[in-house]
Amino acid sequence: MQNVIMTGFYTDQCVSASVRDLTDLGYRVSLVDDAMGAMSPERHQNALQSIRKLYANSESTEEILPRLDQIAAKLTKKKRGWLSGRHGR
C-alpha cells in the first residue's frame, strides 16, 4: 500500500495530523475535501489550505470516484488474469 485516501471530521485537527504523519511515513495522500469537515467552514478551509499540495492532493468526491472505478477495474482484470492462468480451473 502506497496511497491513502483521506476523509473524516475535524479537518483542522485529526485529519491534518494524520495527513502529516502519513506523508512523513512515505505515503501518498489524497484528500476528499468535500468528505471532511470541521467545526466551522473557515476552520475547514484554513486546514485544507495549510496541507494542500505540500502534504496531499485535494479532490472532490465527484473527481475521485471515477479514478477509484478505474483502479477497481484494473484489480478485477488482474484477478481474472491470475485465475485464468495456470492456477485457475
PDB file of N, CA and C in Angstrom:
ATOM      1  N   MET A   1       0.850  -1.172   0.000  1.00  0.00           N
ATOM      2  CA  MET A   1       0.000   0.000   0.000  1.00  0.00           C
ATOM      3  C   MET A   1       0.896   1.236   0.000  1.00  0.00           C
ATOM      4  N   GLN A   2       0.624   2.117  -0.945  1.00  0.00           N
ATOM      5  CA  GLN A   2       1.409   3.345  -1.056  1.00  0.00           C
ATOM      6  C   GLN A   2       0.546   4.594  -1.021  1.00  0.00           C
ATOM      7  N   ASN A   3      -0.746   4.429  -1.295  1.00  0.00           N
ATOM      8  CA  ASN A   3      -1.652   5.565  -1.403  1.00  0.00           C
ATOM      9  C   ASN A   3      -2.732   5.476  -0.339  1.00  0.00           C
ATOM     10  N   VAL A   4      -3.103   6.628   0.190  1.00  0.00           N
ATOM     11  CA  VAL A   4      -4.157   6.709   1.186  1.00  0.00           C
ATOM     12  C   VAL A   4      -5.142   7.795   0.759  1.00  0.00           C
ATOM     13  N   ILE A   5      -6.419   7.454   0.801  1.00  0.00           N
ATOM     14  CA  ILE A   5      -7.474   8.433   0.526  1.00  0.00           C
ATOM     15  C   ILE A   5      -8.067   8.830   1.863  1.00  0.00           C
ATOM     16  N   MET A   6      -8.061  10.119   2.141  1.00  0.00           N
ATOM     17  CA  MET A   6      -8.421  10.608   3.460  1.00  0.00           C
ATOM     18  C   MET A   6      -9.756  11.338   3.467  1.00  0.00           C
ATOM     19  N   THR A   7     -10.610  10.929   4.393  1.00  0.00           N
ATOM     20  CA  THR A   7     -11.857  11.621   4.690  1.00  0.00           C
ATOM     21  C   THR A   7     -11.929  11.723   6.212  1.00  0.00           C
ATOM     22  N   GLY A   8     -12.881  12.476   6.723  1.00  0.00           N
ATOM     23  CA  GLY A   8     -13.023  12.498   8.174  1.00  0.00           C
ATOM     24  C   GLY A   8     -13.525  13.813   8.710  1.00  0.00           C
ATOM     25  N   PHE A   9     -13.610  13.837  10.020  1.00  0.00           N
ATOM     26  CA  PHE A   9     -14.080  15.035  10.694  1.00  0.00           C
ATOM     27  C   PHE A   9     -12.938  15.677  11.459  1.00  0.00           C
ATOM     28  N   TYR A  10     -13.074  16.956  11.644  1.00  0.00           N
ATOM     29  CA  TYR A  10     -12.056  17.810  12.243  1.00  0.00           C
ATOM     30  C   TYR A  10     -10.846  17.908  11.320  1.00  0.00           C
ATOM     31  N   THR A  11     -11.079  18.490  10.167  1.00  0.00           N
ATOM     32  CA  THR A  11     -10.032  18.705   9.177  1.00  0.00           C
ATOM     33  C   THR A  11      -8.820  19.380   9.797  1.00  0.00           C
ATOM     34  N   ASP A  12      -9.074  20.314  10.683  1.00  0.00           N
ATOM     35  CA  ASP A  12      -8.002  21.106  11.281  1.00  0.00           C
ATOM     36  C   ASP A  12      -7.288  20.399  12.429  1.00  0.00           C
ATOM     37  N   GLN A  13      -7.758  19.233  12.822  1.00  0.00           N
ATOM     38  CA  GLN A  13      -7.125  18.523  13.935  1.00  0.00           C
ATOM     39  C   GLN A  13      -6.728  17.105  13.509  1.00  0.00           C
ATOM     40  N   CYS A  14      -7.642  16.188  13.633  1.00  0.00           N
ATOM     41  CA  CYS A  14      -7.352  14.766  13.362  1.00  0.00           C
ATOM     42  C   CYS A  14      -6.896  14.526  11.930  1.00  0.00           C
ATOM     43  N   VAL A  15      -7.626  15.060  10.976  1.00  0.00           N
ATOM     44  CA  VAL A  15      -7.289  14.842   9.567  1.00  0.00           C
ATOM     45  C   VAL A  15      -5.917  15.434   9.263  1.00  0.00           C
ATOM     46  N   SER A  16      -5.698  16.661   9.651  1.00  0.00           N
ATOM     47  CA  SER A  16      -4.430  17.329   9.377  1.00  0.00           C
ATOM     48  C   SER A  16      -3.255  16.570   9.995  1.00  0.00           C
ATOM     49  N   ALA A  17      -3.383  16.160  11.240  1.00  0.00           N
ATOM     50  CA  ALA A  17      -2.304  15.422  11.908  1.00  0.00           C
ATOM     51  C   ALA A  17      -2.047  14.087  11.214  1.00  0.00           C
ATOM     52  N   SER A  18      -3.108  13.401  10.851  1.00  0.00           N
ATOM     53  CA  SER A  18      -2.952  12.106  10.177  1.00  0.00           C
ATOM     54  C   SER A  18      -2.290  12.260   8.815  1.00  0.00           C
ATOM     55  N   VAL A  19      -2.697  13.277   8.068  1.00  0.00           N
ATOM     56  CA  VAL A  19      -2.104  13.524   6.743  1.00  0.00           C
ATOM     57  C   VAL A  19      -0.609  13.779   6.880  1.00  0.00           C
ATOM     58  N   ARG A  20      -0.232  14.593   7.819  1.00  0.00           N
ATOM     59  CA  ARG A  20       1.191  14.908   8.012  1.00  0.00           C
ATOM     60  C   ARG A  20       1.976  13.661   8.420  1.00  0.00           C
ATOM     61  N   ASP A  21       1.410  12.870   9.322  1.00  0.00           N
ATOM     62  CA  ASP A  21       2.079  11.630   9.740  1.00  0.00           C
ATOM     63  C   ASP A  21       2.230  10.662   8.575  1.00  0.00           C
ATOM     64  N   LEU A  22       1.153  10.477   7.807  1.00  0.00           N
ATOM     65  CA  LEU A  22       1.206   9.562   6.663  1.00  0.00           C
ATOM     66  C   LEU A  22       2.241  10.009   5.637  1.00  0.00           C
ATOM     67  N   THR A  23       2.295  11.302   5.366  1.00  0.00           N
ATOM     68  CA  THR A  23       3.262  11.831   4.417  1.00  0.00           C
ATOM     69  C   THR A  23       4.686  11.624   4.931  1.00  0.00           C
ATOM     70  N   ASP A  24       4.894  11.876   6.206  1.00  0.00           N
ATOM     71  CA  ASP A  24       6.217  11.668   6.796  1.00  0.00           C
ATOM     72  C   ASP A  24       6.647  10.205   6.714  1.00  0.00           C
ATOM     73  N   LEU A  25       5.683   9.294   6.725  1.00  0.00           N
ATOM     74  CA  LEU A  25       5.981   7.867   6.620  1.00  0.00           C
ATOM     75  C   LEU A  25       6.119   7.386   5.175  1.00  0.00           C
ATOM     76  N   GLY A  26       5.942   8.310   4.214  1.00  0.00           N
ATOM     77  CA  GLY A  26       6.173   7.986   2.817  1.00  0.00           C
ATOM     78  C   GLY A  26       4.939   7.645   2.005  1.00  0.00           C
ATOM     79  N   TYR A  27       3.759   7.803   2.568  1.00  0.00           N
ATOM     80  CA  TYR A  27       2.536   7.521   1.816  1.00  0.00           C
ATOM     81  C   TYR A  27       2.157   8.723   0.959  1.00  0.00           C
ATOM     82  N   ARG A  28       1.491   8.435  -0.158  1.00  0.00           N
ATOM     83  CA  ARG A  28       0.899   9.491  -0.987  1.00  0.00           C
ATOM     84  C   ARG A  28      -0.544   9.638  -0.538  1.00  0.00           C
ATOM     85  N   VAL A  29      -0.921  10.845  -0.179  1.00  0.00           N
ATOM     86  CA  VAL A  29      -2.229  11.089   0.407  1.00  0.00           C
ATOM     87  C   VAL A  29      -3.082  11.931  -0.529  1.00  0.00           C
ATOM     88  N   SER A  30      -4.335  11.509  -0.688  1.00  0.00           N
ATOM     89  CA  SER A  30      -5.331  12.290  -1.419  1.00  0.00           C
ATOM     90  C   SER A  30      -6.436  12.668  -0.454  1.00  0.00           C
ATOM     91  N   LEU A  31      -6.744  13.937  -0.400  1.00  0.00           N
ATOM     92  CA  LEU A  31      -7.835  14.431   0.440  1.00  0.00           C
ATOM     93  C   LEU A  31      -9.117  14.479  -0.379  1.00  0.00           C
ATOM     94  N   VAL A  32     -10.197  14.006   0.185  1.00  0.00           N
ATOM     95  CA  VAL A  32     -11.509  14.183  -0.437  1.00  0.00           C
ATOM     96  C   VAL A  32     -12.131  15.347   0.314  1.00  0.00           C
ATOM     97  N   ASP A  33     -11.906  16.540  -0.228  1.00  0.00           N
ATOM     98  CA  ASP A  33     -12.183  17.758   0.537  1.00  0.00           C
ATOM     99  C   ASP A  33     -13.652  17.984   0.871  1.00  0.00           C
ATOM    100  N   ASP A  34     -14.566  17.404   0.097  1.00  0.00           N
ATOM    101  CA  ASP A  34     -15.981  17.567   0.450  1.00  0.00           C
ATOM    102  C   ASP A  34     -16.504  16.383   1.272  1.00  0.00           C
ATOM    103  N   ALA A  35     -15.595  15.525   1.722  1.00  0.00           N
ATOM    104  CA  ALA A  35     -15.968  14.399   2.591  1.00  0.00           C
ATOM    105  C   ALA A  35     -15.265  14.529   3.935  1.00  0.00           C
ATOM    106  N   MET A  36     -15.017  15.765   4.315  1.00  0.00           N
ATOM    107  CA  MET A  36     -14.440  16.055   5.624  1.00  0.00           C
ATOM    108  C   MET A  36     -14.958  17.417   6.074  1.00  0.00           C
ATOM    109  N   GLY A  37     -14.786  17.685   7.333  1.00  0.00           N
ATOM    110  CA  GLY A  37     -15.295  18.951   7.844  1.00  0.00           C
ATOM    111  C   GLY A  37     -14.666  19.311   9.169  1.00  0.00           C
ATOM    112  N   ALA A  38     -15.004  20.492   9.635  1.00  0.00           N
ATOM    113  CA  ALA A  38     -14.510  20.997  10.921  1.00  0.00           C
ATOM    114  C   ALA A  38     -15.673  21.694  11.613  1.00  0.00           C
ATOM    115  N   MET A  39     -15.399  22.295  12.723  1.00  0.00           N
ATOM    116  CA  MET A  39     -16.457  22.961  13.484  1.00  0.00           C
ATOM    117  C   MET A  39     -16.994  24.204  12.779  1.00  0.00           C
ATOM    118  N   SER A  40     -16.252  24.706  11.813  1.00  0.00           N
ATOM    119  CA  SER A  40     -16.743  25.830  11.007  1.00  0.00           C
ATOM    120  C   SER A  40     -16.152  25.713   9.600  1.00  0.00           C
ATOM    121  N   PRO A  41     -16.835  26.284   8.615  1.00  0.00           N
ATOM    122  CA  PRO A  41     -16.287  26.268   7.252  1.00  0.00           C
ATOM    123  C   PRO A  41     -14.919  26.951   7.164  1.00  0.00           C
ATOM    124  N   GLU A  42     -14.724  27.980   7.963  1.00  0.00           N
ATOM    125  CA  GLU A  42     -13.446  28.697   7.942  1.00  0.00           C
ATOM    126  C   GLU A  42     -12.311  27.807   8.431  1.00  0.00           C
ATOM    127  N   ARG A  43     -12.549  27.087   9.510  1.00  0.00           N
ATOM    128  CA  ARG A  43     -11.513  26.189  10.037  1.00  0.00           C
ATOM    129  C   ARG A  43     -11.208  25.077   9.029  1.00  0.00           C
ATOM    130  N   HIS A  44     -12.235  24.578   8.386  1.00  0.00           N
ATOM    131  CA  HIS A  44     -12.054  23.542   7.363  1.00  0.00           C
ATOM    132  C   HIS A  44     -11.199  24.066   6.216  1.00  0.00           C
ATOM    133  N   GLN A  45     -11.546  25.218   5.670  1.00  0.00           N
ATOM    134  CA  GLN A  45     -10.812  25.799   4.547  1.00  0.00           C
ATOM    135  C   GLN A  45      -9.375  26.147   4.925  1.00  0.00           C
ATOM    136  N   ASN A  46      -9.187  26.708   6.117  1.00  0.00           N
ATOM    137  CA  ASN A  46      -7.830  27.045   6.558  1.00  0.00           C
ATOM    138  C   ASN A  46      -6.960  25.797   6.676  1.00  0.00           C
ATOM    139  N   ALA A  47      -7.527  24.724   7.202  1.00  0.00           N
ATOM    140  CA  ALA A  47      -6.773  23.476   7.328  1.00  0.00           C
ATOM    141  C   ALA A  47      -6.428  22.912   5.954  1.00  0.00           C
ATOM    142  N   LEU A  48      -7.400  22.929   5.049  1.00  0.00           N
ATOM    143  CA  LEU A  48      -7.131  22.432   3.693  1.00  0.00           C
ATOM    144  C   LEU A  48      -6.013  23.235   3.036  1.00  0.00           C
ATOM    145  N   GLN A  49      -6.062  24.552   3.183  1.00  0.00           N
ATOM    146  CA  GLN A  49      -5.028  25.398   2.574  1.00  0.00           C
ATOM    147  C   GLN A  49      -3.645  25.092   3.139  1.00  0.00           C
ATOM    148  N   SER A  50      -3.575  24.748   4.409  1.00  0.00           N
ATOM    149  CA  SER A  50      -2.261  24.505   5.014  1.00  0.00           C
ATOM    150  C   SER A  50      -1.679  23.142   4.640  1.00  0.00           C
ATOM    151  N   ILE A  51      -2.517  22.189   4.240  1.00  0.00           N
ATOM    152  CA  ILE A  51      -1.980  20.862   3.910  1.00  0.00           C
ATOM    153  C   ILE A  51      -2.040  20.514   2.433  1.00  0.00           C
ATOM    154  N   ARG A  52      -2.804  21.262   1.645  1.00  0.00           N
ATOM    155  CA  ARG A  52      -2.890  21.010   0.201  1.00  0.00           C
ATOM    156  C   ARG A  52      -1.542  21.221  -0.468  1.00  0.00           C
ATOM    157  N   LYS A  53      -1.284  20.364  -1.417  1.00  0.00           N
ATOM    158  CA  LYS A  53      -0.117  20.432  -2.291  1.00  0.00           C
ATOM    159  C   LYS A  53       1.204  20.179  -1.554  1.00  0.00           C
ATOM    160  N   LEU A  54       1.345  20.648  -0.334  1.00  0.00           N
ATOM    161  CA  LEU A  54       2.579  20.393   0.409  1.00  0.00           C
ATOM    162  C   LEU A  54       2.581  18.966   0.955  1.00  0.00           C
ATOM    163  N   TYR A  55       1.434  18.554   1.476  1.00  0.00           N
ATOM    164  CA  TYR A  55       1.334  17.220   2.064  1.00  0.00           C
ATOM    165  C   TYR A  55       0.423  16.278   1.289  1.00  0.00           C
ATOM    166  N   ALA A  56      -0.544  16.812   0.566  1.00  0.00           N
ATOM    167  CA  ALA A  56      -1.536  15.937  -0.062  1.00  0.00           C
ATOM    168  C   ALA A  56      -2.164  16.608  -1.280  1.00  0.00           C
ATOM    169  N   ASN A  57      -2.670  15.775  -2.173  1.00  0.00           N
ATOM    170  CA  ASN A  57      -3.513  16.263  -3.265  1.00  0.00           C
ATOM    171  C   ASN A  57      -4.909  16.448  -2.711  1.00  0.00           C
ATOM    172  N   SER A  58      -5.685  17.267  -3.351  1.00  0.00           N
ATOM    173  CA  SER A  58      -7.038  17.536  -2.900  1.00  0.00           C
ATOM    174  C   SER A  58      -8.003  17.339  -4.062  1.00  0.00           C
ATOM    175  N   GLU A  59      -9.040  16.544  -3.825  1.00  0.00           N
ATOM    176  CA  GLU A  59     -10.036  16.262  -4.846  1.00  0.00           C
ATOM    177  C   GLU A  59     -11.419  16.269  -4.212  1.00  0.00           C
ATOM    178  N   SER A  60     -12.418  16.418  -5.053  1.00  0.00           N
ATOM    179  CA  SER A  60     -13.797  16.292  -4.592  1.00  0.00           C
ATOM    180  C   SER A  60     -14.225  14.836  -4.755  1.00  0.00           C
ATOM    181  N   THR A  61     -15.333  14.482  -4.157  1.00  0.00           N
ATOM    182  CA  THR A  61     -15.884  13.139  -4.320  1.00  0.00           C
ATOM    183  C   THR A  61     -16.152  12.868  -5.792  1.00  0.00           C
ATOM    184  N   GLU A  62     -16.695  13.848  -6.472  1.00  0.00           N
ATOM    185  CA  GLU A  62     -17.001  13.706  -7.901  1.00  0.00           C
ATOM    186  C   GLU A  62     -15.747  13.427  -8.723  1.00  0.00           C
ATOM    187  N   GLU A  63     -14.629  13.995  -8.336  1.00  0.00           N
ATOM    188  CA  GLU A  63     -13.380  13.791  -9.065  1.00  0.00           C
ATOM    189  C   GLU A  63     -12.730  12.442  -8.748  1.00  0.00           C
ATOM    190  N   ILE A  64     -12.840  12.001  -7.518  1.00  0.00           N
ATOM    191  CA  ILE A  64     -12.111  10.793  -7.117  1.00  0.00           C
ATOM    192  C   ILE A  64     -12.847   9.497  -7.459  1.00  0.00           C
ATOM    193  N   LEU A  65     -14.175   9.527  -7.507  1.00  0.00           N
ATOM    194  CA  LEU A  65     -14.918   8.300  -7.775  1.00  0.00           C
ATOM    195  C   LEU A  65     -14.578   7.650  -9.120  1.00  0.00           C
ATOM    196  N   PRO A  66     -14.465   8.399 -10.221  1.00  0.00           N
ATOM    197  CA  PRO A  66     -14.063   7.759 -11.476  1.00  0.00           C
ATOM    198  C   PRO A  66     -12.674   7.119 -11.398  1.00  0.00           C
ATOM    199  N   ARG A  67     -11.771   7.747 -10.668  1.00  0.00           N
ATOM    200  CA  ARG A  67     -10.429   7.198 -10.505  1.00  0.00           C
ATOM    201  C   ARG A  67     -10.481   5.889  -9.716  1.00  0.00           C
ATOM    202  N   LEU A  68     -11.326   5.837  -8.705  1.00  0.00           N
ATOM    203  CA  LEU A  68     -11.484   4.602  -7.932  1.00  0.00           C
ATOM    204  C   LEU A  68     -12.110   3.502  -8.784  1.00  0.00           C
ATOM    205  N   ASP A  69     -13.043   3.874  -9.653  1.00  0.00           N
ATOM    206  CA  ASP A  69     -13.640   2.895 -10.566  1.00  0.00           C
ATOM    207  C   ASP A  69     -12.580   2.303 -11.488  1.00  0.00           C
ATOM    208  N   GLN A  70     -11.674   3.130 -11.982  1.00  0.00           N
ATOM    209  CA  GLN A  70     -10.597   2.646 -12.855  1.00  0.00           C
ATOM    210  C   GLN A  70      -9.672   1.688 -12.109  1.00  0.00           C
ATOM    211  N   ILE A  71      -9.343   2.026 -10.879  1.00  0.00           N
ATOM    212  CA  ILE A  71      -8.480   1.161 -10.075  1.00  0.00           C
ATOM    213  C   ILE A  71      -9.168  -0.177  -9.819  1.00  0.00           C
ATOM    214  N   ALA A  72     -10.444  -0.133  -9.475  1.00  0.00           N
ATOM    215  CA  ALA A  72     -11.196  -1.368  -9.224  1.00  0.00           C
ATOM    216  C   ALA A  72     -11.252  -2.234 -10.476  1.00  0.00           C
ATOM    217  N   ALA A  73     -11.431  -1.615 -11.628  1.00  0.00           N
ATOM    218  CA  ALA A  73     -11.479  -2.370 -12.884  1.00  0.00           C
ATOM    219  C   ALA A  73     -10.131  -3.039 -13.163  1.00  0.00           C
ATOM    220  N   LYS A  74      -9.037  -2.328 -12.915  1.00  0.00           N
ATOM    221  CA  LYS A  74      -7.712  -2.907 -13.119  1.00  0.00           C
ATOM    222  C   LYS A  74      -7.477  -4.082 -12.178  1.00  0.00           C
ATOM    223  N   LEU A  75      -7.869  -3.928 -10.927  1.00  0.00           N
ATOM    224  CA  LEU A  75      -7.687  -5.007  -9.954  1.00  0.00           C
ATOM    225  C   LEU A  75      -8.525  -6.225 -10.315  1.00  0.00           C
ATOM    226  N   THR A  76      -9.740  -5.989 -10.775  1.00  0.00           N
ATOM    227  CA  THR A  76     -10.613  -7.087 -11.188  1.00  0.00           C
ATOM    228  C   THR A  76     -10.012  -7.810 -12.391  1.00  0.00           C
ATOM    229  N   LYS A  77      -9.479  -7.046 -13.323  1.00  0.00           N
ATOM    230  CA  LYS A  77      -8.863  -7.635 -14.519  1.00  0.00           C
ATOM    231  C   LYS A  77      -7.641  -8.465 -14.132  1.00  0.00           C
ATOM    232  N   LYS A  78      -6.816  -7.941 -13.222  1.00  0.00           N
ATOM    233  CA  LYS A  78      -5.648  -8.674 -12.754  1.00  0.00           C
ATOM    234  C   LYS A  78      -6.059  -9.989 -12.095  1.00  0.00           C
ATOM    235  N   LYS A  79      -7.085  -9.910 -11.259  1.00  0.00           N
ATOM    236  CA  LYS A  79      -7.546 -11.091 -10.543  1.00  0.00           C
ATOM    237  C   LYS A  79      -8.049 -12.141 -11.533  1.00  0.00           C
ATOM    238  N   ARG A  80      -8.803 -11.713 -12.521  1.00  0.00           N
ATOM    239  CA  ARG A  80      -9.300 -12.644 -13.547  1.00  0.00           C
ATOM    240  C   ARG A  80      -8.138 -13.276 -14.308  1.00  0.00           C
ATOM    241  N   GLY A  81      -7.139 -12.470 -14.642  1.00  0.00           N
ATOM    242  CA  GLY A  81      -5.981 -12.979 -15.363  1.00  0.00           C
ATOM    243  C   GLY A  81      -5.243 -14.031 -14.562  1.00  0.00           C
ATOM    244  N   TRP A  82      -5.103 -13.796 -13.280  1.00  0.00           N
ATOM    245  CA  TRP A  82      -4.434 -14.755 -12.422  1.00  0.00           C
ATOM    246  C   TRP A  82      -5.240 -16.037 -12.331  1.00  0.00           C
ATOM    247  N   LEU A  83      -6.551 -15.917 -12.196  1.00  0.00           N
ATOM    248  CA  LEU A  83      -7.397 -17.095 -12.063  1.00  0.00           C
ATOM    249  C   LEU A  83      -7.474 -17.900 -13.357  1.00  0.00           C
ATOM    250  N   SER A  84      -7.342 -17.243 -14.475  1.00  0.00           N
ATOM    251  CA  SER A  84      -7.430 -17.980 -15.748  1.00  0.00           C
ATOM    252  C   SER A  84      -6.079 -18.564 -16.161  1.00  0.00           C
ATOM    253  N   GLY A  85      -5.036 -18.237 -15.432  1.00  0.00           N
ATOM    254  CA  GLY A  85      -3.703 -18.772 -15.717  1.00  0.00           C
ATOM    255  C   GLY A  85      -3.562 -20.188 -15.200  1.00  0.00           C
ATOM    256  N   ARG A  86      -2.357 -20.564 -14.904  1.00  0.00           N
ATOM    257  CA  ARG A  86      -2.092 -21.949 -14.508  1.00  0.00           C
ATOM    258  C   ARG A  86      -2.755 -22.327 -13.191  1.00  0.00           C
ATOM    259  N   HIS A  87      -3.142 -21.342 -12.389  1.00  0.00           N
ATOM    260  CA  HIS A  87      -3.788 -21.640 -11.116  1.00  0.00           C
ATOM    261  C   HIS A  87      -5.295 -21.782 -11.229  1.00  0.00           C
ATOM    262  N   GLY A  88      -5.857 -21.326 -12.326  1.00  0.00           N
ATOM    263  CA  GLY A  88      -7.319 -21.361 -12.492  1.00  0.00           C
ATOM    264  C   GLY A  88      -7.825 -22.751 -12.852  1.00  0.00           C
ATOM    265  N   ARG A  89      -9.094 -22.918 -12.713  1.00  0.00           N
ATOM    266  CA  ARG A  89      -9.721 -24.193 -13.060  1.00  0.00           C
ATOM    267  C   ARG A  89     -10.796 -23.956 -14.070  1.00  0.00           C
TER     268      ARG A  89
END
